[in-house]
């Protein structure tokens, strides 16, 4: 399951996200989105969980939880064509 994580603090690292999501199951991949010119985080990321049940648990467990002074927005990622 691919999960969108928004409202990230700009200081958040892939390791921090991997640790947070690993509490709910196996994490396949973490990708913090960065600006290609500055290399600075854009404040969102994608986390790929091994299966849907652990992904659903992570969404329920982490949505609206604080990280670095901000409340995370966590939900299932939409395919690129369906972002309306």
Protein backbone atom coordinates (compact mmCIF):
# COMPACT_ATOMS: atom_id res chain seq x y z
CA UNK A 1 0.00 0.00 0.00
CA UNK A 2 1.31 3.44 -0.92
CA UNK A 3 0.66 6.13 1.70
CA UNK A 4 0.81 9.93 1.41
CA UNK A 5 2.23 11.76 4.42
CA UNK A 6 1.62 15.52 4.40
CA UNK A 7 2.28 18.46 6.71
CA UNK A 8 5.71 17.05 7.53
CA UNK A 9 8.17 19.24 9.38
CA UNK A 10 10.90 20.22 6.91
CA UNK A 11 13.46 18.60 9.19
CA UNK A 12 11.83 15.13 9.01
CA UNK A 13 14.08 12.37 7.69
CA UNK A 14 13.37 9.09 5.92
CA UNK A 15 14.71 7.23 8.96
CA UNK A 16 12.27 9.01 11.30
CA UNK A 17 9.35 8.14 9.04
CA UNK A 18 10.51 4.54 8.65
CA UNK A 19 10.68 4.20 12.45
CA UNK A 20 7.21 5.71 12.94
CA UNK A 21 5.57 3.50 10.29
CA UNK A 22 7.47 0.33 11.27
CA UNK A 23 5.42 0.24 14.48
CA UNK A 24 2.48 -0.82 12.27
CA UNK A 25 4.20 -3.33 9.96
CA UNK A 26 6.91 -3.83 7.37
CA UNK A 27 7.96 -0.71 5.47
CA UNK A 28 9.15 -1.33 1.91
CA UNK A 29 10.17 2.20 0.98
CA UNK A 30 10.18 5.79 2.26
CA UNK A 31 10.54 8.78 -0.07
CA UNK A 32 10.67 12.32 1.34
CA UNK A 33 9.98 14.67 -1.57
CA UNK A 34 12.60 17.39 -1.98
CA UNK A 35 12.97 20.47 -4.13
CA UNK A 36 15.28 19.59 -7.01
CA UNK A 37 17.07 22.96 -6.90
CA UNK A 38 17.61 23.38 -3.16
CA UNK A 39 17.40 19.78 -1.93
CA UNK A 40 15.11 21.00 0.87
CA UNK A 41 12.08 18.93 1.86
CA UNK A 42 8.76 20.05 0.37
CA UNK A 43 6.91 18.93 3.50
CA UNK A 44 5.45 15.67 2.24
CA UNK A 45 6.49 12.09 1.63
CA UNK A 46 5.33 8.70 0.42
CA UNK A 47 5.64 5.51 2.44
CA UNK A 48 5.11 2.09 0.91
CA UNK A 49 3.91 -0.56 3.35
CA UNK A 50 4.21 -4.31 2.69
CA UNK A 51 0.45 -4.97 2.82
CA UNK A 52 -2.89 -3.21 3.04
CA UNK A 53 -3.70 -4.21 6.63
CA UNK A 54 -0.48 -2.67 7.99
CA UNK A 55 -1.01 0.37 5.75
CA UNK A 56 -4.55 0.86 7.06
CA UNK A 57 -3.30 0.50 10.65
CA UNK A 58 -0.56 3.09 10.01
CA UNK A 59 -3.05 5.55 8.50
CA UNK A 60 -5.40 5.20 11.47
CA UNK A 61 -2.56 5.30 13.99
CA UNK A 62 -0.56 8.22 12.58
CA UNK A 63 -3.08 10.59 10.99
CA UNK A 64 -3.24 13.86 12.98
CA UNK A 65 -0.38 12.82 15.28
CA UNK A 66 2.28 15.45 16.06
CA UNK A 67 5.77 15.34 14.58
CA UNK A 68 8.15 18.24 14.98
CA UNK A 69 5.36 20.56 16.10
CA UNK A 70 3.04 19.75 13.17
CA UNK A 71 0.10 17.35 12.91
CA UNK A 72 0.67 14.81 10.15
CA UNK A 73 -1.88 14.25 7.39
CA UNK A 74 -1.73 10.55 6.53
CA UNK A 75 -3.91 8.84 3.93
CA UNK A 76 -3.78 6.40 1.05
CA UNK A 77 -1.91 7.89 -1.90
CA UNK A 78 -3.95 8.48 -5.04
CA UNK A 79 -2.57 7.50 -8.46
CA UNK A 80 -1.13 10.48 -10.36
CA UNK A 81 -4.03 10.61 -12.82
CA UNK A 82 -6.69 10.70 -10.06
CA UNK A 83 -5.46 13.74 -8.09
CA UNK A 84 -8.55 15.93 -8.63
